[in-house]
Amino acid sequence: MSSPKPPPTLDEFRARAALTGLTLTEEDIGHLYKGYVGLLAQMERMPVRWAWAAEPPHVFRADE
């Protein structure tokens, strides 16, 4: 099993954000970077094979 790819550095993320054409402040880029790195960390913790049948489906009804 290969090791996970390291997340981009803040400078790499800033360069990618500049290519989007959006007007982002340094604060915006900082928040987006933290969220992106956090999402990548969450994805690494998810199992590759998920036992979908192990948990019953959740059904929400509006009339209850």
Protein backbone atom coordinates (compact mmCIF):
# COMPACT_ATOMS: atom_id res chain seq x y z
CA MET A 1 0.00 0.00 0.00
CA SER A 2 1.48 3.35 -0.98
CA SER A 3 1.81 6.23 1.42
CA PRO A 4 -0.72 9.04 1.02
CA LYS A 5 0.25 12.03 -1.07
CA PRO A 6 1.17 14.99 1.15
CA PRO A 7 -1.22 17.94 1.01
CA PRO A 8 -0.15 21.01 -0.95
CA THR A 9 1.73 23.72 0.89
CA LEU A 10 0.03 27.04 1.53
CA ASP A 11 2.10 28.63 -1.25
CA GLU A 12 1.03 25.93 -3.73
CA PHE A 13 -2.59 26.37 -2.64
CA ARG A 14 -2.28 30.16 -3.02
CA ALA A 15 -0.93 29.71 -6.58
CA ARG A 16 -3.82 27.40 -7.48
CA ALA A 17 -6.31 29.83 -5.97
CA ALA A 18 -4.87 32.65 -8.08
CA LEU A 19 -5.59 30.64 -11.24
CA THR A 20 -9.33 30.53 -10.44
CA GLY A 21 -9.78 34.22 -11.17
CA LEU A 22 -11.69 34.76 -7.93
CA THR A 23 -10.87 37.78 -5.81
CA LEU A 24 -9.75 36.09 -2.60
CA THR A 25 -8.15 37.80 0.35
CA GLU A 26 -5.31 36.23 2.32
CA GLU A 27 -7.86 35.45 5.04
CA ASP A 28 -10.10 33.69 2.50
CA ILE A 29 -7.19 31.62 1.21
CA GLY A 30 -6.19 30.70 4.77
CA HIS A 31 -9.70 29.48 5.60
CA LEU A 32 -10.05 27.57 2.34
CA TYR A 33 -6.63 25.96 2.84
CA LYS A 34 -7.48 24.78 6.35
CA GLY A 35 -10.76 23.32 5.10
CA TYR A 36 -9.09 21.60 2.15
CA VAL A 37 -6.36 20.04 4.29
CA GLY A 38 -8.97 18.99 6.86
CA LEU A 39 -11.07 17.35 4.15
CA LEU A 40 -8.05 15.45 2.86
CA ALA A 41 -7.31 14.24 6.40
CA GLN A 42 -10.92 13.04 6.78
CA MET A 43 -10.74 11.20 3.47
CA GLU A 44 -7.56 9.41 4.55
CA ARG A 45 -9.36 8.04 7.60
CA MET A 46 -12.22 6.55 5.58
CA PRO A 47 -11.88 2.84 4.90
CA VAL A 48 -11.35 1.77 1.31
CA ARG A 49 -14.03 -0.89 1.54
CA TRP A 50 -17.11 0.18 3.45
CA ALA A 51 -19.50 -2.40 4.90
CA TRP A 52 -22.68 -0.71 3.69
CA ALA A 53 -24.88 -3.57 4.86
CA ALA A 54 -23.56 -3.28 8.42
CA GLU A 55 -25.67 -0.20 9.11
CA PRO A 56 -29.38 0.00 8.34
CA PRO A 57 -30.49 2.94 6.21
CA HIS A 58 -31.85 5.98 8.01
CA VAL A 59 -35.29 7.05 6.88
CA PHE A 60 -36.64 10.44 7.85
CA ARG A 61 -40.29 11.16 7.36
CA ALA A 62 -41.76 14.63 7.42
CA ASP A 63 -45.09 13.47 8.90
CA GLU A 64 -43.60 12.05 12.09
